[in-house]
Every structure is written in C-alpha cells, then in structure tokens.
PDB file of all heavy atoms in Angstrom:
ATOM      1  N   ARG A   1       7.078  39.125 -37.648  1.00  0.00           N
ATOM      2  CA  ARG A   1       8.010  38.226 -36.950  1.00  0.00           C
ATOM      3  C   ARG A   1       8.049  38.452 -35.448  1.00  0.00           C
ATOM      4  O   ARG A   1       7.969  37.498 -34.674  1.00  0.00           O
ATOM      5  CB  ARG A   1       9.416  38.397 -37.531  1.00  0.00           C
ATOM      6  CG  ARG A   1      10.418  37.412 -36.951  1.00  0.00           C
ATOM      7  CD  ARG A   1      11.758  37.494 -37.628  1.00  0.00           C
ATOM      8  NE  ARG A   1      12.708  36.552 -37.026  1.00  0.00           N
ATOM      9  CZ  ARG A   1      13.997  36.499 -37.326  1.00  0.00           C
ATOM     10  NH1 ARG A   1      14.496  37.327 -38.254  1.00  0.00           N
ATOM     11  NH2 ARG A   1      14.780  35.626 -36.729  1.00  0.00           N
ATOM     12  N   HIS A   2       8.230  39.708 -35.024  1.00  0.00           N
ATOM     13  CA  HIS A   2       8.318  40.007 -33.591  1.00  0.00           C
ATOM     14  C   HIS A   2       7.295  41.082 -33.233  1.00  0.00           C
ATOM     15  O   HIS A   2       7.032  41.990 -34.031  1.00  0.00           O
ATOM     16  CB  HIS A   2       9.715  40.536 -33.209  1.00  0.00           C
ATOM     17  CG  HIS A   2      10.859  39.685 -33.662  1.00  0.00           C
ATOM     18  ND1 HIS A   2      10.970  38.348 -33.352  1.00  0.00           N
ATOM     19  CD2 HIS A   2      11.963  39.993 -34.394  1.00  0.00           C
ATOM     20  CE1 HIS A   2      12.091  37.866 -33.869  1.00  0.00           C
ATOM     21  NE2 HIS A   2      12.696  38.840 -34.512  1.00  0.00           N
ATOM     22  N   VAL A   3       6.759  40.996 -32.016  1.00  0.00           N
ATOM     23  CA  VAL A   3       5.850  42.014 -31.497  1.00  0.00           C
ATOM     24  C   VAL A   3       6.275  42.352 -30.072  1.00  0.00           C
ATOM     25  O   VAL A   3       6.485  41.446 -29.251  1.00  0.00           O
ATOM     26  CB  VAL A   3       4.381  41.546 -31.512  1.00  0.00           C
ATOM     27  CG1 VAL A   3       3.476  42.631 -30.937  1.00  0.00           C
ATOM     28  CG2 VAL A   3       3.939  41.190 -32.933  1.00  0.00           C
ATOM     29  N   ILE A   4       6.375  43.641 -29.797  1.00  0.00           N
ATOM     30  CA  ILE A   4       6.788  44.132 -28.483  1.00  0.00           C
ATOM     31  C   ILE A   4       5.644  44.955 -27.905  1.00  0.00           C
ATOM     32  O   ILE A   4       5.090  45.831 -28.586  1.00  0.00           O
ATOM     33  CB  ILE A   4       8.059  44.995 -28.606  1.00  0.00           C
ATOM     34  CG1 ILE A   4       9.218  44.155 -29.160  1.00  0.00           C
ATOM     35  CG2 ILE A   4       8.445  45.616 -27.274  1.00  0.00           C
ATOM     36  CD1 ILE A   4      10.390  44.980 -29.651  1.00  0.00           C
ATOM     37  N   VAL A   5       5.271  44.675 -26.678  1.00  0.00           N
ATOM     38  CA  VAL A   5       4.229  45.432 -25.972  1.00  0.00           C
ATOM     39  C   VAL A   5       4.784  45.885 -24.636  1.00  0.00           C
ATOM     40  O   VAL A   5       5.264  45.063 -23.842  1.00  0.00           O
ATOM     41  CB  VAL A   5       2.959  44.583 -25.744  1.00  0.00           C
ATOM     42  CG1 VAL A   5       1.911  45.398 -24.983  1.00  0.00           C
ATOM     43  CG2 VAL A   5       2.379  44.093 -27.065  1.00  0.00           C
ATOM     44  N   ASP A   6       4.751  47.197 -24.410  1.00  0.00           N
ATOM     45  CA  ASP A   6       5.205  47.754 -23.133  1.00  0.00           C
ATOM     46  C   ASP A   6       6.658  47.368 -22.846  1.00  0.00           C
ATOM     47  O   ASP A   6       7.042  47.168 -21.695  1.00  0.00           O
ATOM     48  CB  ASP A   6       4.307  47.279 -21.995  1.00  0.00           C
ATOM     49  CG  ASP A   6       4.127  48.344 -20.917  1.00  0.00           C
ATOM     50  OD1 ASP A   6       3.948  49.525 -21.286  1.00  0.00           O
ATOM     51  OD2 ASP A   6       4.158  47.999 -19.719  1.00  0.00           O
ATOM     52  N   GLY A   7       7.452  47.247 -23.901  1.00  0.00           N
ATOM     53  CA  GLY A   7       8.866  46.911 -23.751  1.00  0.00           C
ATOM     54  C   GLY A   7       9.151  45.431 -23.640  1.00  0.00           C
ATOM     55  O   GLY A   7      10.323  45.034 -23.588  1.00  0.00           O
ATOM     56  N   ASN A   8       8.119  44.578 -23.624  1.00  0.00           N
ATOM     57  CA  ASN A   8       8.298  43.131 -23.516  1.00  0.00           C
ATOM     58  C   ASN A   8       8.083  42.460 -24.871  1.00  0.00           C
ATOM     59  O   ASN A   8       7.132  42.802 -25.595  1.00  0.00           O
ATOM     60  CB  ASN A   8       7.314  42.534 -22.499  1.00  0.00           C
ATOM     61  CG  ASN A   8       7.560  43.048 -21.095  1.00  0.00           C
ATOM     62  OD1 ASN A   8       8.686  43.038 -20.611  1.00  0.00           O
ATOM     63  ND2 ASN A   8       6.510  43.523 -20.439  1.00  0.00           N
ATOM     64  N   ILE A   9       8.925  41.513 -25.204  1.00  0.00           N
ATOM     65  CA  ILE A   9       8.777  40.770 -26.450  1.00  0.00           C
ATOM     66  C   ILE A   9       7.699  39.712 -26.226  1.00  0.00           C
ATOM     67  O   ILE A   9       7.936  38.694 -25.569  1.00  0.00           O
ATOM     68  CB  ILE A   9      10.100  40.102 -26.860  1.00  0.00           C
ATOM     69  CG1 ILE A   9      11.218  41.143 -26.940  1.00  0.00           C
ATOM     70  CG2 ILE A   9       9.940  39.390 -28.196  1.00  0.00           C
ATOM     71  CD1 ILE A   9      12.608  40.537 -27.048  1.00  0.00           C
ATOM     72  N   VAL A  10       6.511  39.961 -26.757  1.00  0.00           N
ATOM     73  CA  VAL A  10       5.396  39.034 -26.531  1.00  0.00           C
ATOM     74  C   VAL A  10       5.219  38.068 -27.697  1.00  0.00           C
ATOM     75  O   VAL A  10       4.593  37.005 -27.538  1.00  0.00           O
ATOM     76  CB  VAL A  10       4.084  39.791 -26.243  1.00  0.00           C
ATOM     77  CG1 VAL A  10       4.174  40.545 -24.927  1.00  0.00           C
ATOM     78  CG2 VAL A  10       3.742  40.749 -27.370  1.00  0.00           C
ATOM     79  N   VAL A  11       5.727  38.413 -28.862  1.00  0.00           N
ATOM     80  CA  VAL A  11       5.803  37.482 -29.990  1.00  0.00           C
ATOM     81  C   VAL A  11       7.239  37.514 -30.496  1.00  0.00           C
ATOM     82  O   VAL A  11       7.745  38.568 -30.858  1.00  0.00           O
ATOM     83  CB  VAL A  11       4.835  37.861 -31.127  1.00  0.00           C
ATOM     84  CG1 VAL A  11       5.053  36.950 -32.344  1.00  0.00           C
ATOM     85  CG2 VAL A  11       3.384  37.782 -30.668  1.00  0.00           C
ATOM     86  N   ARG A  12       7.895  36.361 -30.460  1.00  0.00           N
ATOM     87  CA  ARG A  12       9.259  36.251 -30.970  1.00  0.00           C
ATOM     88  C   ARG A  12       9.284  35.126 -32.017  1.00  0.00           C
ATOM     89  O   ARG A  12       8.831  34.013 -31.757  1.00  0.00           O
ATOM     90  CB  ARG A  12      10.250  35.925 -29.851  1.00  0.00           C
ATOM     91  CG  ARG A  12      11.708  35.916 -30.318  1.00  0.00           C
ATOM     92  CD  ARG A  12      12.625  35.328 -29.272  1.00  0.00           C
ATOM     93  NE  ARG A  12      12.826  36.204 -28.120  1.00  0.00           N
ATOM     94  CZ  ARG A  12      13.766  37.149 -28.053  1.00  0.00           C
ATOM     95  NH1 ARG A  12      14.580  37.356 -29.083  1.00  0.00           N
ATOM     96  NH2 ARG A  12      13.899  37.871 -26.963  1.00  0.00           N
ATOM     97  N   ASP A  13       9.798  35.466 -33.173  1.00  0.00           N
ATOM     98  CA  ASP A  13       9.851  34.484 -34.264  1.00  0.00           C
ATOM     99  C   ASP A  13       8.489  33.838 -34.503  1.00  0.00           C
ATOM    100  O   ASP A  13       8.369  32.624 -34.646  1.00  0.00           O
ATOM    101  CB  ASP A  13      10.921  33.427 -33.986  1.00  0.00           C
ATOM    102  CG  ASP A  13      12.317  34.020 -34.041  1.00  0.00           C
ATOM    103  OD1 ASP A  13      12.567  34.881 -34.907  1.00  0.00           O
ATOM    104  OD2 ASP A  13      13.160  33.607 -33.213  1.00  0.00           O
ATOM    105  N   ARG A  14       7.464  34.696 -34.497  1.00  0.00           N
ATOM    106  CA  ARG A  14       6.086  34.319 -34.857  1.00  0.00           C
ATOM    107  C   ARG A  14       5.404  33.422 -33.830  1.00  0.00           C
ATOM    108  O   ARG A  14       4.373  32.807 -34.129  1.00  0.00           O
ATOM    109  CB  ARG A  14       6.057  33.644 -36.242  1.00  0.00           C
ATOM    110  CG  ARG A  14       6.606  34.540 -37.355  1.00  0.00           C
ATOM    111  CD  ARG A  14       6.620  33.836 -38.711  1.00  0.00           C
ATOM    112  NE  ARG A  14       7.057  34.753 -39.763  1.00  0.00           N
ATOM    113  CZ  ARG A  14       8.319  34.968 -40.112  1.00  0.00           C
ATOM    114  NH1 ARG A  14       9.296  34.304 -39.473  1.00  0.00           N
ATOM    115  NH2 ARG A  14       8.637  35.822 -41.062  1.00  0.00           N
ATOM    116  N   ARG A  15       5.938  33.335 -32.630  1.00  0.00           N
ATOM    117  CA  ARG A  15       5.322  32.536 -31.572  1.00  0.00           C
ATOM    118  C   ARG A  15       5.130  33.378 -30.323  1.00  0.00           C
ATOM    119  O   ARG A  15       5.995  34.189 -29.961  1.00  0.00           O
ATOM    120  CB  ARG A  15       6.181  31.312 -31.228  1.00  0.00           C
ATOM    121  CG  ARG A  15       6.387  30.335 -32.364  1.00  0.00           C
ATOM    122  CD  ARG A  15       5.109  29.627 -32.771  1.00  0.00           C
ATOM    123  NE  ARG A  15       4.606  28.733 -31.725  1.00  0.00           N
ATOM    124  CZ  ARG A  15       3.493  28.023 -31.840  1.00  0.00           C
ATOM    125  NH1 ARG A  15       2.748  28.120 -32.927  1.00  0.00           N
ATOM    126  NH2 ARG A  15       3.111  27.224 -30.869  1.00  0.00           N
ATOM    127  N   LEU A  16       3.992  33.180 -29.664  1.00  0.00           N
ATOM    128  CA  LEU A  16       3.712  33.877 -28.422  1.00  0.00           C
ATOM    129  C   LEU A  16       4.719  33.454 -27.359  1.00  0.00           C
ATOM    130  O   LEU A  16       5.013  32.262 -27.213  1.00  0.00           O
ATOM    131  CB  LEU A  16       2.291  33.540 -27.971  1.00  0.00           C
ATOM    132  CG  LEU A  16       1.681  34.374 -26.845  1.00  0.00           C
ATOM    133  CD1 LEU A  16       1.504  35.823 -27.278  1.00  0.00           C
ATOM    134  CD2 LEU A  16       0.323  33.780 -26.449  1.00  0.00           C
ATOM    135  N   THR A  17       5.265  34.407 -26.630  1.00  0.00           N
ATOM    136  CA  THR A  17       6.263  34.097 -25.598  1.00  0.00           C
ATOM    137  C   THR A  17       5.671  34.028 -24.201  1.00  0.00           C
ATOM    138  O   THR A  17       6.275  33.458 -23.298  1.00  0.00           O
ATOM    139  CB  THR A  17       7.373  35.161 -25.588  1.00  0.00           C
ATOM    140  OG1 THR A  17       6.820  36.413 -25.156  1.00  0.00           O
ATOM    141  CG2 THR A  17       8.002  35.334 -26.959  1.00  0.00           C
ATOM    142  N   THR A  18       4.502  34.615 -24.000  1.00  0.00           N
ATOM    143  CA  THR A  18       3.948  34.720 -22.655  1.00  0.00           C
ATOM    144  C   THR A  18       3.173  33.481 -22.227  1.00  0.00           C
ATOM    145  O   THR A  18       3.067  33.183 -21.042  1.00  0.00           O
ATOM    146  CB  THR A  18       3.024  35.941 -22.564  1.00  0.00           C
ATOM    147  OG1 THR A  18       2.072  35.872 -23.640  1.00  0.00           O
ATOM    148  CG2 THR A  18       3.823  37.235 -22.684  1.00  0.00           C
ATOM    149  N   VAL A  19       2.599  32.788 -23.206  1.00  0.00           N
ATOM    150  CA  VAL A  19       1.786  31.599 -22.952  1.00  0.00           C
ATOM    151  C   VAL A  19       2.131  30.567 -24.016  1.00  0.00           C
ATOM    152  O   VAL A  19       2.335  30.913 -25.188  1.00  0.00           O
ATOM    153  CB  VAL A  19       0.273  31.913 -23.033  1.00  0.00           C
ATOM    154  CG1 VAL A  19      -0.560  30.674 -22.729  1.00  0.00           C
ATOM    155  CG2 VAL A  19      -0.106  33.053 -22.094  1.00  0.00           C
ATOM    156  N   ASP A  20       2.203  29.327 -23.628  1.00  0.00           N
ATOM    157  CA  ASP A  20       2.371  28.256 -24.601  1.00  0.00           C
ATOM    158  C   ASP A  20       1.106  28.212 -25.472  1.00  0.00           C
ATOM    159  O   ASP A  20       0.012  27.930 -24.983  1.00  0.00           O
ATOM    160  CB  ASP A  20       2.571  26.920 -23.868  1.00  0.00           C
ATOM    161  CG  ASP A  20       2.834  25.755 -24.813  1.00  0.00           C
ATOM    162  OD1 ASP A  20       2.528  25.868 -26.020  1.00  0.00           O
ATOM    163  OD2 ASP A  20       3.344  24.716 -24.336  1.00  0.00           O
ATOM    164  N   GLU A  21       1.250  28.502 -26.756  1.00  0.00           N
ATOM    165  CA  GLU A  21       0.081  28.601 -27.628  1.00  0.00           C
ATOM    166  C   GLU A  21      -0.749  27.317 -27.644  1.00  0.00           C
ATOM    167  O   GLU A  21      -1.977  27.363 -27.775  1.00  0.00           O
ATOM    168  CB  GLU A  21       0.513  28.961 -29.050  1.00  0.00           C
ATOM    169  CG  GLU A  21       1.026  30.388 -29.184  1.00  0.00           C
ATOM    170  CD  GLU A  21       1.310  30.768 -30.630  1.00  0.00           C
ATOM    171  OE1 GLU A  21       0.838  30.062 -31.546  1.00  0.00           O
ATOM    172  OE2 GLU A  21       2.004  31.780 -30.847  1.00  0.00           O
ATOM    173  N   SER A  22      -0.112  26.186 -27.510  1.00  0.00           N
ATOM    174  CA  SER A  22      -0.857  24.927 -27.542  1.00  0.00           C
ATOM    175  C   SER A  22      -1.865  24.836 -26.404  1.00  0.00           C
ATOM    176  O   SER A  22      -2.934  24.224 -26.559  1.00  0.00           O
ATOM    177  CB  SER A  22       0.101  23.731 -27.508  1.00  0.00           C
ATOM    178  OG  SER A  22       0.792  23.666 -26.265  1.00  0.00           O
ATOM    179  N   THR A  23      -1.551  25.452 -25.262  1.00  0.00           N
ATOM    180  CA  THR A  23      -2.495  25.417 -24.147  1.00  0.00           C
ATOM    181  C   THR A  23      -3.738  26.247 -24.444  1.00  0.00           C
ATOM    182  O   THR A  23      -4.832  25.929 -23.959  1.00  0.00           O
ATOM    183  CB  THR A  23      -1.837  25.916 -22.854  1.00  0.00           C
ATOM    184  OG1 THR A  23      -1.480  27.302 -22.988  1.00  0.00           O
ATOM    185  CG2 THR A  23      -0.582  25.118 -22.530  1.00  0.00           C
ATOM    186  N   ILE A  24      -3.582  27.301 -25.245  1.00  0.00           N
ATOM    187  CA  ILE A  24      -4.743  28.098 -25.648  1.00  0.00           C
ATOM    188  C   ILE A  24      -5.645  27.282 -26.556  1.00  0.00           C
ATOM    189  O   ILE A  24      -6.869  27.223 -26.368  1.00  0.00           O
ATOM    190  CB  ILE A  24      -4.296  29.399 -26.336  1.00  0.00           C
ATOM    191  CG1 ILE A  24      -3.504  30.277 -25.356  1.00  0.00           C
ATOM    192  CG2 ILE A  24      -5.508  30.165 -26.880  1.00  0.00           C
ATOM    193  CD1 ILE A  24      -2.977  31.564 -25.950  1.00  0.00           C
ATOM    194  N   TYR A  25      -5.056  26.623 -27.551  1.00  0.00           N
ATOM    195  CA  TYR A  25      -5.855  25.806 -28.458  1.00  0.00           C
ATOM    196  C   TYR A  25      -6.534  24.665 -27.709  1.00  0.00           C
ATOM    197  O   TYR A  25      -7.692  24.317 -27.997  1.00  0.00           O
ATOM    198  CB  TYR A  25      -4.980  25.258 -29.584  1.00  0.00           C
ATOM    199  CG  TYR A  25      -4.300  26.337 -30.399  1.00  0.00           C
ATOM    200  CD1 TYR A  25      -2.959  26.240 -30.747  1.00  0.00           C
ATOM    201  CD2 TYR A  25      -4.995  27.464 -30.819  1.00  0.00           C
ATOM    202  CE1 TYR A  25      -2.331  27.236 -31.489  1.00  0.00           C
ATOM    203  CE2 TYR A  25      -4.387  28.460 -31.559  1.00  0.00           C
ATOM    204  CZ  TYR A  25      -3.043  28.340 -31.892  1.00  0.00           C
ATOM    205  OH  TYR A  25      -2.439  29.322 -32.618  1.00  0.00           O
ATOM    206  N   ASP A  26      -5.844  24.091 -26.740  1.00  0.00           N
ATOM    207  CA  ASP A  26      -6.448  23.011 -25.943  1.00  0.00           C
ATOM    208  C   ASP A  26      -7.636  23.541 -25.136  1.00  0.00           C
ATOM    209  O   ASP A  26      -8.680  22.867 -25.023  1.00  0.00           O
ATOM    210  CB  ASP A  26      -5.408  22.402 -25.001  1.00  0.00           C
ATOM    211  CG  ASP A  26      -4.352  21.588 -25.732  1.00  0.00           C
ATOM    212  OD1 ASP A  26      -4.571  21.248 -26.911  1.00  0.00           O
ATOM    213  OD2 ASP A  26      -3.294  21.314 -25.123  1.00  0.00           O
ATOM    214  N   ALA A  27      -7.484  24.736 -24.553  1.00  0.00           N
ATOM    215  CA  ALA A  27      -8.569  25.318 -23.765  1.00  0.00           C
ATOM    216  C   ALA A  27      -9.783  25.602 -24.638  1.00  0.00           C
ATOM    217  O   ALA A  27     -10.937  25.406 -24.223  1.00  0.00           O
ATOM    218  CB  ALA A  27      -8.087  26.606 -23.085  1.00  0.00           C
TER     219      ALA A  27
END
C-alpha cells in the first residue's frame, strides 16, 4: 500500500506520489 524512501512517502495508497504515473506510461 505505502512505500517510504529516505523518509519521503513515494507510494501512497498504491500510487506513485512523485510523478503522475500516466505521464510515465505516455512517455
């Protein structure tokens, strides 16, 4: 559900928080 790296929540509720995942799939 959640992933924390270096104290930052980078996955919250199974979604990446740092980048809009749709932009990755589009790229």
